[in-house]
Protein backbone atom coordinates (compact mmCIF):
# COMPACT_ATOMS: atom_id res chain seq x y z
CA MET A 1 184.21 163.26 170.04
CA TYR A 2 183.04 166.65 169.57
CA LEU A 3 184.76 166.40 165.81
CA ARG A 4 182.80 163.05 165.25
CA ASN A 5 179.47 164.76 167.31
CA LEU A 6 180.00 168.04 164.66
CA ILE A 7 180.19 165.67 161.72
CA LEU A 8 176.90 163.67 162.13
CA ALA A 9 175.24 166.97 162.93
CA LEU A 10 176.03 168.59 159.86
CA PHE A 11 175.55 165.32 158.08
CA ILE A 12 172.00 165.00 159.80
CA ALA A 13 171.60 169.01 158.43
CA LEU A 14 172.76 168.47 154.83
CA TRP A 15 170.30 165.25 154.85
CA THR A 16 167.05 167.39 156.28
CA HIS A 17 167.81 170.06 153.57
CA ALA A 18 168.42 167.55 150.59
CA SER A 19 165.28 165.87 151.61
CA ALA A 20 163.27 169.22 151.97
CA GLN A 21 164.40 169.79 148.44
CA GLU A 22 162.98 167.02 147.20
CA ILE A 23 159.23 168.43 147.85
CA ALA A 24 157.91 170.19 144.66
CA LYS A 25 157.40 173.63 144.91
CA ALA A 26 153.73 175.00 144.55
CA ASN A 27 152.68 177.25 141.75
CA LYS A 28 150.12 178.01 143.41
CA PRO A 29 150.46 179.18 147.17
CA VAL A 30 149.07 177.33 150.02
CA GLY A 31 146.15 179.04 150.95
CA ASN A 32 145.41 180.73 147.73
CA GLY A 33 142.49 180.39 146.19
CA ASN A 34 143.04 181.54 142.93
CA PRO A 35 144.03 180.54 140.09
CA ILE A 36 142.18 177.93 140.02
CA SER A 37 144.47 175.55 138.67
CA PRO A 38 147.53 174.83 139.95
CA CYS A 39 149.11 173.69 136.68
CA VAL A 40 147.43 174.57 133.81
CA PHE A 41 147.29 177.62 132.01
CA CYS A 42 143.85 178.61 131.02
CA ALA A 43 141.55 181.88 129.81
CA ASP A 44 138.97 183.53 128.71
CA PRO A 45 136.46 182.09 131.13
CA THR A 46 132.52 181.00 130.52
CA ALA A 47 130.69 179.15 133.05
CA LEU A 48 127.55 177.07 133.97
CA VAL A 49 125.88 175.60 137.07
CA TYR A 50 124.38 172.07 136.52
CA ASP A 51 122.90 169.34 139.81
CA GLY A 52 125.39 171.31 142.20
CA ARG A 53 128.42 171.99 140.80
CA ILE A 54 129.64 175.28 138.69
CA TYR A 55 131.29 173.79 135.39
CA VAL A 56 134.21 175.72 134.02
CA TYR A 57 135.21 176.26 130.07
CA GLY A 58 138.42 178.75 129.18
CA THR A 59 141.04 178.63 126.09
CA ASN A 60 143.29 176.07 126.53
CA ASP A 61 146.52 178.53 126.48
CA HIS A 62 148.59 175.55 127.84
CA GLN A 63 148.25 173.47 124.59
CA GLN A 64 150.06 176.88 123.16
CA PHE A 65 152.87 177.02 125.57
CA ILE A 66 153.38 172.92 124.82
CA VAL A 67 153.57 173.68 121.36
CA ASN A 68 155.74 176.70 121.94
CA GLY A 69 158.33 174.61 123.70
CA LYS A 70 157.08 176.14 127.09
CA LYS A 71 158.71 179.43 126.07
CA GLY A 72 158.17 182.82 123.95
CA ASP A 73 155.02 184.40 123.46
CA ASN A 74 151.53 183.32 123.18
CA GLY A 75 150.38 183.61 119.77
CA TYR A 76 146.83 181.70 120.40
CA GLY A 77 147.14 179.91 116.78
CA ASN A 78 147.95 176.95 117.94
CA ILE A 79 145.00 176.67 120.56
CA LYS A 80 142.78 174.23 118.99
CA SER A 81 141.10 173.18 122.06
CA LEU A 82 139.36 174.23 125.41
CA VAL A 83 139.59 172.91 129.10
CA VAL A 84 137.01 172.66 131.97
CA PHE A 85 136.97 172.43 135.76
CA SER A 86 134.17 172.21 138.14
CA THR A 87 133.60 172.59 141.45
CA ASP A 88 130.76 172.57 144.40
CA ASP A 89 132.69 174.38 147.04
CA LEU A 90 134.57 176.85 145.16
CA ALA A 91 137.63 175.30 147.30
CA ASN A 92 138.43 171.96 145.17
CA TRP A 93 138.74 171.73 141.58
CA THR A 94 138.33 168.64 139.31
CA PHE A 95 140.29 169.41 136.34
CA HIS A 96 138.08 167.41 133.74
CA GLY A 97 140.89 167.61 131.10
CA THR A 98 140.14 169.24 127.19
CA ILE A 99 137.57 169.14 124.65
CA ASP A 100 139.23 168.69 120.89
CA VAL A 101 137.38 171.57 119.27
CA GLY A 102 139.33 171.10 116.43
CA LYS A 103 138.85 167.08 116.01
CA VAL A 104 135.03 167.71 116.80
CA CYS A 105 134.51 170.25 114.26
CA GLY A 106 136.91 169.07 111.58
CA SER A 107 138.85 170.96 109.09
CA TRP A 108 136.84 174.45 109.00
CA CYS A 109 137.68 175.09 112.59
CA GLY A 110 141.12 176.52 113.04
CA GLN A 111 141.24 177.67 116.65
CA SER A 112 138.83 177.77 119.52
CA TRP A 113 138.89 180.27 122.13
CA ALA A 114 136.79 182.50 124.60
CA PRO A 115 133.99 179.89 124.95
CA SER A 116 130.39 180.92 126.08
CA ALA A 117 128.46 177.69 127.73
CA VAL A 118 124.42 177.48 128.67
CA TRP A 119 122.29 174.40 129.12
CA ARG A 120 118.31 173.92 128.71
CA GLU A 121 116.44 171.18 129.29
CA THR A 122 113.57 170.58 126.52
CA GLU A 123 110.22 169.67 126.83
CA ASN A 124 110.91 166.28 126.83
CA GLY A 125 113.16 166.00 129.35
CA GLN A 126 116.52 166.29 127.25
CA LYS A 127 118.93 168.08 128.58
CA GLU A 128 121.26 169.90 126.21
CA PHE A 129 124.56 171.72 126.35
CA PHE A 130 125.97 174.28 124.01
CA ILE A 131 129.84 176.05 123.51
CA TYR A 132 130.11 178.42 121.51
CA PHE A 133 133.80 179.29 120.33
CA ALA A 134 135.75 182.03 118.60
CA ASN A 135 137.32 180.42 115.65
CA GLY A 136 139.88 182.91 115.57
CA GLY A 137 139.07 186.22 114.91
CA GLY A 138 137.09 185.59 111.88
CA SER A 139 134.08 183.38 112.61
CA VAL A 140 132.11 181.76 115.36
CA GLY A 141 131.52 178.48 116.19
CA VAL A 142 129.41 175.79 118.08
CA ILE A 143 129.39 172.00 119.54
CA LYS A 144 126.79 170.35 121.43
CA GLY A 145 126.76 167.69 123.82
CA SER A 146 124.82 165.91 126.58
CA THR A 147 126.17 166.34 129.81
CA PRO A 148 128.56 169.21 130.85
CA VAL A 149 131.71 167.58 130.03
CA GLY A 150 130.59 166.05 126.79
CA SER A 151 130.89 163.68 124.38
CA PHE A 152 130.77 166.86 121.76
CA ARG A 153 129.38 166.94 118.64
CA SER A 154 129.33 169.86 115.92
CA PRO A 155 125.83 170.04 114.89
CA LEU A 156 126.72 172.39 111.92
CA SER A 157 129.53 171.54 109.03
CA ARG A 158 130.39 174.98 109.30
CA ALA A 159 130.61 178.33 111.42
CA LEU A 160 127.55 179.70 113.14
CA ILE A 161 128.20 183.09 111.87
CA THR A 162 130.72 184.49 109.96
CA GLY A 163 131.37 188.49 108.31
CA SER A 164 128.62 187.45 105.60
CA SER A 165 126.15 186.61 108.51
CA PRO A 166 123.46 189.37 107.99
CA GLY A 167 123.33 192.65 110.01
CA VAL A 168 127.26 191.51 111.17
CA SER A 169 129.24 193.88 108.41
CA PRO A 170 131.19 195.74 108.98
CA CYS A 171 132.78 194.18 111.88
CA ASN A 172 136.53 193.38 111.88
CA TRP A 173 136.47 190.43 114.34
CA VAL A 174 133.90 188.00 114.39
CA PHE A 175 134.65 186.08 117.55
CA ASP A 176 134.42 186.21 121.37
CA PRO A 177 130.59 185.13 121.55
CA GLY A 178 128.48 185.62 124.73
CA VAL A 179 125.32 183.41 125.23
CA VAL A 180 122.38 183.73 127.54
CA ILE A 181 119.33 182.24 127.42
CA ASP A 182 115.85 184.24 128.63
CA GLU A 183 113.23 183.49 130.94
CA ASN A 184 111.20 182.81 127.69
CA GLY A 185 113.66 180.09 126.67
CA THR A 186 115.18 182.11 123.72
CA GLY A 187 118.73 182.42 123.06
CA TRP A 188 120.57 185.19 122.40
CA ILE A 189 124.27 186.07 121.03
CA ALA A 190 126.25 188.94 121.57
CA PHE A 191 130.07 188.70 119.67
CA GLY A 192 132.27 191.06 118.03
CA GLY A 193 135.79 193.41 118.77
CA GLY A 194 138.63 195.41 117.13
CA ASP A 195 139.63 198.22 116.62
CA PRO A 196 137.73 200.95 115.15
CA ASN A 197 136.29 200.27 112.10
CA ALA A 198 135.08 202.31 108.84
CA GLN A 199 132.00 203.51 110.32
CA GLY A 200 132.92 203.54 113.67
CA SER A 201 135.55 205.53 116.21
CA LYS A 202 138.03 205.40 119.14
CA LEU A 203 134.93 206.20 121.73
CA LEU A 204 132.63 203.94 119.63
CA PRO A 205 134.15 201.67 117.18
CA ASN A 206 131.28 199.87 116.10
CA ASN A 207 132.43 196.34 116.26
CA ALA A 208 130.00 194.95 118.99
CA ARG A 209 126.83 193.03 118.09
CA ILE A 210 123.51 190.80 119.49
CA ALA A 211 121.39 188.67 118.02
CA LYS A 212 118.59 186.45 118.62
CA LEU A 213 119.03 182.52 118.35
CA LYS A 214 116.80 180.17 116.49
CA ASP A 215 114.73 177.99 118.99
CA THR A 216 117.28 174.97 117.41
CA MET A 217 120.43 177.20 119.36
CA ILE A 218 122.09 176.49 116.25
CA ALA A 219 121.37 179.47 113.78
CA LEU A 220 120.39 183.06 114.13
CA ASP A 221 116.85 184.47 114.06
CA GLY A 222 117.11 187.49 111.98
CA LYS A 223 120.08 189.98 111.37
CA ALA A 224 122.62 190.73 114.52
CA VAL A 225 122.24 194.43 115.38
CA SER A 226 125.34 196.86 116.47
CA LEU A 227 125.74 197.49 120.55
CA PRO A 228 126.56 201.34 121.15
CA ALA A 229 129.17 199.78 123.86
CA PRO A 230 131.81 202.60 124.72
CA TYR A 231 135.38 201.75 124.04
CA HIS A 232 134.67 198.26 123.09
CA PHE A 233 137.14 195.98 122.23
CA GLU A 234 135.91 192.70 123.00
CA ALA A 235 135.38 189.73 125.25
CA SER A 236 131.02 189.85 124.99
CA GLU A 237 129.17 187.71 127.32
CA LEU A 238 125.58 188.29 128.39
CA ASN A 239 123.46 187.71 131.89
CA ILE A 240 119.85 188.73 132.70
CA PHE A 241 119.17 190.25 136.07
CA ASP A 242 115.58 190.81 136.97
CA GLY A 243 114.73 190.38 133.55
CA LYS A 244 116.83 192.90 131.87
CA PHE A 245 119.96 192.02 129.84
CA ALA A 246 123.57 192.74 130.74
CA TYR A 247 125.89 193.03 128.41
CA THR A 248 129.42 192.71 129.47
CA TYR A 249 132.92 193.60 127.35
CA CYS A 250 136.51 194.34 127.68
CA THR A 251 137.12 197.54 126.66
CA SER A 252 140.32 199.12 124.13
CA TRP A 253 143.70 200.72 125.14
CA SER A 254 142.70 203.63 123.55
CA ASP A 255 142.88 207.48 125.20
CA ARG A 256 139.61 208.63 126.55
CA ASN A 257 139.53 211.93 125.07
CA ASP A 258 136.42 212.08 123.52
CA TRP A 259 134.63 210.68 127.14
CA TYR A 260 132.45 213.70 127.39
CA SER A 261 131.43 213.75 123.69
CA TYR A 262 129.55 210.46 124.87
CA SER A 263 125.84 211.19 125.43
CA LYS A 264 124.85 208.21 127.08
CA ARG A 265 127.33 208.36 129.76
CA GLY A 266 125.26 209.17 132.95
CA THR A 267 127.43 210.00 135.91
CA ALA A 268 129.55 206.64 135.16
CA LYS A 269 133.30 207.90 134.89
CA GLU A 270 135.22 206.90 131.59
CA PRO A 271 136.61 203.12 131.96
CA THR A 272 140.38 202.47 132.21
CA ALA A 273 141.98 200.89 129.38
CA CYS A 274 141.44 197.61 128.55
CA SER A 275 139.06 197.12 131.97
CA MET A 276 135.59 195.12 132.10
CA CYS A 277 132.50 197.23 131.70
CA TYR A 278 128.54 196.94 130.95
CA MET A 279 125.31 198.34 129.44
CA VAL A 280 121.94 196.97 130.22
CA SER A 281 118.86 196.77 128.08
CA ASP A 282 115.09 195.68 128.30
CA ASP A 283 114.91 195.82 124.50
CA PRO A 284 118.27 194.15 123.48
CA LEU A 285 117.58 194.61 119.03
CA ASN A 286 117.30 197.84 119.83
CA PRO A 287 120.42 200.10 119.97
CA ASP A 288 119.27 203.33 121.96
CA SER A 289 117.56 200.94 124.53
CA TRP A 290 121.43 200.41 125.42
CA GLU A 291 122.33 202.32 128.88
CA TYR A 292 126.17 202.11 129.25
CA LYS A 293 126.71 200.99 133.63
CA GLY A 294 130.05 201.76 134.09
CA GLN A 295 133.47 199.73 134.92
CA TYR A 296 133.71 196.94 137.55
CA LEU A 297 136.72 195.38 136.94
CA ALA A 298 140.23 196.97 136.50
CA ASN A 299 142.46 195.32 134.25
CA PRO A 300 144.14 192.73 136.59
CA GLY A 301 147.72 194.41 135.99
CA THR A 302 146.74 197.00 138.24
CA PHE A 303 146.53 194.41 140.64
CA GLY A 304 150.17 193.37 140.92
CA TYR A 305 149.72 190.96 137.66
CA SER A 306 151.93 191.31 134.23
CA TYR A 307 149.46 193.03 131.97
CA SER A 308 147.48 191.15 129.32
CA ASN A 309 144.12 191.09 127.63
CA ASN A 310 140.87 190.92 129.61
CA HIS A 311 137.79 188.95 129.98
CA SER A 312 135.41 187.70 132.48
CA HIS A 313 131.88 185.87 133.52
CA LEU A 314 129.60 186.29 135.78
CA GLN A 315 127.61 183.55 137.55
CA LYS A 316 125.58 183.05 139.89
CA PHE A 317 125.95 180.10 142.13
CA GLY A 318 123.66 179.97 145.33
CA ASP A 319 122.28 182.61 146.48
CA ASN A 320 125.65 184.62 145.57
CA TYR A 321 126.78 185.98 142.28
CA TYR A 322 131.07 185.05 141.18
CA LEU A 323 132.94 186.68 138.58
CA PHE A 324 136.08 184.62 136.58
CA TYR A 325 138.47 186.38 134.93
CA HIS A 326 142.37 185.29 133.82
CA THR A 327 145.35 186.74 134.81
CA THR A 328 149.03 185.87 134.45
CA GLY A 329 149.56 184.83 138.16
CA LEU A 330 150.96 181.55 137.43
CA GLU A 331 152.86 182.01 134.84
CA GLN A 332 154.25 184.52 136.87
CA ASN A 333 154.93 182.47 140.08
CA MET A 334 156.44 179.45 137.52
CA ASN A 335 159.22 181.93 136.19
CA THR A 336 159.71 179.79 132.92
CA GLY A 337 160.28 183.06 130.22
CA ALA A 338 157.15 182.50 128.46
CA SER A 339 154.78 185.34 128.13
CA GLY A 340 151.48 186.11 127.54
CA PHE A 341 150.15 182.56 129.59
CA ARG A 342 147.28 183.47 131.12
CA SER A 343 144.90 181.24 133.86
CA ILE A 344 141.49 181.19 134.96
CA ALA A 345 140.53 183.47 138.81
CA VAL A 346 137.56 183.80 140.48
CA ASN A 347 136.33 186.28 143.34
CA LYS A 348 132.84 187.04 144.66
CA ALA A 349 130.81 189.63 142.77
CA ILE A 350 128.00 192.08 144.76
CA VAL A 351 125.48 192.02 141.79
CA THR A 352 122.04 194.00 142.54
CA GLU A 353 119.54 192.23 140.21
CA ASN A 354 116.74 194.70 140.83
CA THR A 355 119.08 197.49 139.72
CA GLN A 356 120.95 195.61 137.27
CA ARG A 357 124.07 197.03 139.25
CA ILE A 358 128.13 195.12 139.24
CA SER A 359 129.85 196.25 142.24
CA THR A 360 133.10 196.89 141.36
CA VAL A 361 135.25 193.60 141.80
CA THR A 362 138.86 193.52 143.10
CA ALA A 363 141.02 190.51 141.95
CA ASN A 364 143.52 188.98 144.21
CA ASN A 365 144.77 186.00 145.16
CA THR A 366 142.92 184.68 147.73
CA GLY A 367 139.89 184.21 145.53
CA ALA A 368 136.32 183.57 146.73
CA GLN A 369 135.37 182.27 150.11
CA ALA A 370 134.64 178.32 150.01
CA THR A 371 131.00 177.41 149.92
CA GLY A 372 131.48 173.80 151.30
CA TYR A 373 133.44 171.10 152.55
CA LEU A 374 134.74 167.94 151.06
CA ASN A 375 133.50 164.73 151.45
CA PRO A 376 136.32 161.97 152.41
CA TYR A 377 133.98 159.11 152.36
CA ARG A 378 133.30 159.84 148.75
CA LEU A 379 135.43 158.30 145.75
CA GLN A 380 137.81 161.59 145.10
CA GLU A 381 139.46 161.50 141.92
CA ALA A 382 143.31 162.41 141.99
CA GLU A 383 142.43 165.52 139.65
CA THR A 384 140.44 167.18 142.40
CA MET A 385 142.34 169.22 144.35
CA SER A 386 143.09 172.81 145.94
CA THR A 387 147.03 172.82 145.03
CA ALA A 388 149.60 170.48 144.03
CA GLY A 389 153.00 170.89 143.45
CA GLY A 390 155.43 168.48 140.64
CA ILE A 391 152.20 166.86 138.77
CA THR A 392 151.91 166.28 135.12
CA TYR A 393 148.73 164.87 133.25
CA GLU A 394 148.19 161.92 131.20
CA ASP A 395 145.18 161.60 128.80
CA PHE A 396 143.27 158.06 129.88
CA SER A 397 143.16 157.29 126.39
CA ASN A 398 146.81 157.09 126.11
CA ILE A 399 146.69 154.40 129.18
CA MET A 400 147.67 151.32 126.80
CA LYS A 401 149.55 153.37 124.80
CA VAL A 402 152.63 155.46 124.38
CA PRO A 403 151.88 158.34 126.76
CA THR A 404 152.40 162.08 125.76
CA TYR A 405 152.33 164.33 129.18
CA ASN A 406 150.93 167.05 129.77
CA THR A 407 149.91 168.17 126.06
CA LEU A 408 146.07 168.84 127.25
CA GLY A 409 145.51 169.23 123.56
CA ASN A 410 144.77 166.41 120.87
CA ASP A 411 142.48 164.26 122.69
CA ALA A 412 139.17 165.00 123.60
CA SER A 413 139.66 164.08 127.32
CA GLN A 414 136.74 163.59 130.02
CA ASN A 415 139.10 161.72 132.14
CA LEU A 416 142.74 162.26 133.24
CA GLN A 417 145.35 159.99 135.47
CA VAL A 418 147.81 162.14 137.40
CA LYS A 419 151.92 161.41 136.73
CA MET A 420 153.75 161.80 140.23
CA ALA A 421 157.19 161.97 140.12
CA PRO A 422 159.32 161.98 143.54
CA GLY A 423 158.39 164.21 145.82
CA ALA A 424 155.28 165.68 143.99
CA TRP A 425 152.11 166.23 146.10
CA THR A 426 148.45 167.35 146.19
CA MET A 427 146.24 168.82 148.26
CA VAL A 428 142.55 169.10 149.45
CA ARG A 429 141.06 171.66 151.10
CA ARG A 430 138.29 171.63 154.07
CA VAL A 431 138.09 167.99 153.70
CA ASP A 432 135.12 167.03 156.68
CA PHE A 433 135.81 163.80 158.37
CA GLY A 434 133.12 164.44 160.65
CA LYS A 435 133.06 163.96 164.48
CA GLU A 436 133.46 159.98 164.26
CA GLY A 437 136.74 160.22 162.16
CA ALA A 438 138.13 158.01 159.36
CA LYS A 439 139.49 154.49 160.51
CA SER A 440 140.78 153.33 156.62
CA PHE A 441 141.90 155.01 153.67
CA MET A 442 142.29 153.35 150.30
CA LEU A 443 144.67 154.32 147.81
CA ARG A 444 144.70 153.62 143.69
CA ALA A 445 147.32 153.88 141.92
CA LYS A 446 150.37 152.02 139.84
CA GLY A 447 153.96 152.35 140.34
CA THR A 448 156.30 151.79 142.85
CA GLY A 449 155.97 154.03 145.44
CA THR A 450 155.54 155.79 148.72
CA LEU A 451 152.21 157.75 149.77
CA GLU A 452 152.54 160.04 152.60
CA ILE A 453 149.27 161.65 154.12
CA ARG A 454 150.03 164.77 155.85
CA LEU A 455 147.44 166.88 157.77
CA GLY A 456 147.44 170.49 157.77
CA SER A 457 150.61 171.57 156.65
CA LEU A 458 152.79 169.69 153.68
CA SER A 459 155.92 169.93 156.19
CA ALA A 460 154.42 167.93 158.52
CA GLU A 461 154.95 164.63 159.41
CA ALA A 462 153.25 161.57 157.71
CA SER A 463 150.21 160.53 159.65
CA ASP A 464 149.90 157.14 157.76
CA ARG A 465 151.57 155.98 154.58
CA VAL A 466 150.60 153.94 151.80
CA GLU A 467 153.34 151.58 150.04
CA PHE A 468 152.36 150.28 147.20
CA SER A 469 154.02 148.54 143.77
CA SER A 470 152.41 146.87 140.75
CA THR A 471 152.43 147.59 136.84
CA SER A 472 148.35 147.68 136.96
CA TYR A 473 145.78 149.88 139.21
CA ASN A 474 145.41 148.88 142.31
CA ASP A 475 143.51 149.97 145.42
CA TYR A 476 145.73 149.93 148.49
CA THR A 477 143.98 149.89 151.80
CA ILE A 478 145.39 150.93 155.45
CA GLU A 479 144.05 151.32 159.01
CA LEU A 480 144.99 154.36 160.07
CA THR A 481 147.73 154.78 163.13
CA ASP A 482 146.92 158.45 163.55
CA THR A 483 143.63 159.68 165.81
CA ARG A 484 143.87 163.41 164.08
CA TYR A 485 141.41 162.42 161.18
CA MET A 486 138.66 164.34 162.62
CA GLY A 487 137.02 167.47 162.34
CA THR A 488 138.33 169.54 159.00
CA ARG A 489 141.56 169.54 157.79
CA ASN A 490 143.54 170.13 154.88
CA VAL A 491 145.12 166.85 153.39
CA TYR A 492 148.07 166.61 151.17
CA PHE A 493 149.21 163.59 149.48
CA VAL A 494 152.68 163.29 149.13
CA PHE A 495 154.44 160.95 147.09
CA THR A 496 157.86 160.44 148.87
CA GLN A 497 158.92 157.95 146.47
CA ALA A 498 157.60 157.48 142.81
CA THR A 499 158.93 155.23 140.04
CA ASN A 500 156.57 155.65 137.40
CA VAL A 501 153.47 156.21 139.65
CA TYR A 502 150.32 156.92 138.10
CA PHE A 503 147.63 158.34 140.98
CA ASP A 504 144.24 158.42 140.13
CA ALA A 505 141.72 158.11 143.25
CA TRP A 506 141.59 158.01 146.84
CA GLN A 507 138.72 157.52 149.46
CA PHE A 508 138.98 157.54 153.46
CA THR A 509 136.52 154.78 155.51
CA GLU A 510 134.64 156.60 158.54
CA ASN A 511 134.40 155.08 162.13
CA THR A 512 131.15 153.64 163.07
CA SER A 513 129.96 154.91 166.37
CA ASP A 514 130.15 151.98 168.35
CA GLY A 515 133.89 151.50 166.28
CA ILE A 516 131.87 147.59 165.05
CA ARG A 517 132.68 147.42 161.24
CA PRO A 518 129.50 146.59 159.40
CA VAL A 519 129.37 142.92 158.43
CA SER A 520 129.89 142.56 154.46
CA ASN A 521 127.19 140.89 152.43
CA ALA A 522 127.28 137.42 151.69
CA GLN A 523 127.15 137.88 148.46
CA ASP A 524 129.06 140.38 145.75
CA ALA A 525 127.26 143.70 145.78
CA PRO A 526 125.87 145.50 142.57
CA THR A 527 128.12 147.23 140.30
CA LYS A 528 127.71 150.60 141.44
CA TYR A 529 128.70 153.64 138.47
CA PHE A 530 130.03 157.44 139.11
CA ASP A 531 131.30 160.57 137.39
CA LEU A 532 134.60 162.32 137.51
CA THR A 533 133.71 164.18 140.35
CA GLY A 534 133.09 160.98 142.77
CA LYS A 535 129.05 161.52 141.99
CA GLN A 536 127.52 158.11 141.57
CA ILE A 537 125.43 158.14 138.31
CA PRO A 538 121.86 156.55 138.75
CA ASN A 539 121.30 155.76 135.09
CA VAL A 540 124.07 154.80 133.45
CA ASN A 541 123.13 153.92 130.14
CA GLN A 542 122.44 157.44 129.62
CA HIS A 543 126.05 158.90 130.44
CA HIS A 544 128.78 159.33 127.96
CA GLY A 545 132.55 159.47 128.48
CA ILE A 546 134.61 158.06 131.28
CA ILE A 547 132.70 155.92 134.26
CA ILE A 548 133.89 154.54 137.39
CA GLU A 549 132.53 150.98 137.86
CA GLN A 550 133.14 150.58 141.67
CA GLN A 551 132.52 146.89 142.44
CA THR A 552 132.36 145.18 146.20
CA ASN A 553 133.01 141.18 146.63
CA ALA A 554 131.85 139.10 149.30
CA ASN A 555 134.88 139.70 151.39
CA GLY A 556 134.04 143.42 151.42
CA THR A 557 136.76 144.12 149.33
CA THR A 558 135.97 146.82 146.74
CA THR A 559 138.02 147.43 143.29
CA HIS A 560 137.24 150.42 140.80
CA ARG A 561 138.16 150.40 137.11
CA LYS A 562 137.75 152.89 134.77
CA ARG A 563 136.22 152.68 131.18
CA MET A 564 134.26 154.90 128.05
CA LYS A 565 130.93 154.83 128.22
């Protein structure tokens, strides 16, 4: 009897261990805010705020990672697309997929690196979104869209800035644009980089440029002028603080032996290697007006990450500023043996606008503090998450074709579906179920599998399960048996079984105060339209890209369908 019980106990222990091993690893540890994506390599961030959300754009390092066979060094040469993420709470990020810049711009475009994004509303109320990018190290291009996620087009049949543009030469690398629109509606662009040119030195390499843009935002208004940025190397961006221009950039790796010969150093210390620094001016086309202010971000390699280059963007959101930058944290956690593949991170920054002071920012895994809560009673796309394990992405345009998984680079995609392997999972943070709590849950998926909803911890027992099987997307709704869907919780969606499973969307239904379910309409409700963030689209005829159609029939059954608009 003792031997039998011992064998049984060993079997249970081994079975429990094997079951635990089935849950996929999180390359972005639970609880960390950085990087913003748990599985997509991306770098050189820029950002804009639109309609209550931050949209972040970056170089699609993941495209090079796939081309390399997930190994080797990042050479950047095959990157011809940009990634897009957005958030309204700085805790959960929606991945909008990629913008295929090479396809949009055509044969003249060889690469797309280091974007800078701005938007404006014209006098007739039209919204215009511009993304400027580095076409390798030789020119700067621009694409234009009507929403933050496109669709985008090329307003030019060529680059916007080249080495032959007025005022550019000599400039070793015509790349890394940084764009801002001032309070008068005028656009400005900074760019340039590289080792000292023939007219420069280690202290003042003479490769930084700034120029005014014409009202169209797709042509220079006059010639570019040189920016006297000490130890400048790359990563231009522009901000405006209280009417003054702030130019941010990344310094070189050279020694600082000639720092004390720099006449405008003031009380500032010499910047460390490959750090982010800034200068301020109220007369941007006058080189003598620029005042060096100092360093605000050391190379993330000094904070425990692998050393890499440096690139950042300051973005105001609400009453606070946030610094977006990149590290190699995701690459280190994945431990694939690849090198130089970066991931975007964000931390709060302290900016004193009236003195144009940017305080020092410390890079870390904790990230920025969340600014809000996720609403579980609104349709949520599976691409919205804080972290995840074991997932891959498939472009929506491939659903009816032979799928190519996790390429992230060859189809401009304003929507993705999420491929779930057995043990794969996603997690959303700070889900606010309110005082009344939730009574039901809808999963939109296809394939055959079992979804477990786990509250508070990845290792928690399942609060509820959804079993499903179909060859096309269906909505599966269950009544919740657990009473803990109240207050603020972290929610895990764990696919313990999955055969050809694609996770598309989810939504909880809120309890009513009296516990009585509202009576459904006697006739079909009008079709509602949503974007990827689950936000309702008031005028679908003005929307471009993928839309989500929600239909509720007379019996109260709700279905969703995605299509290209």
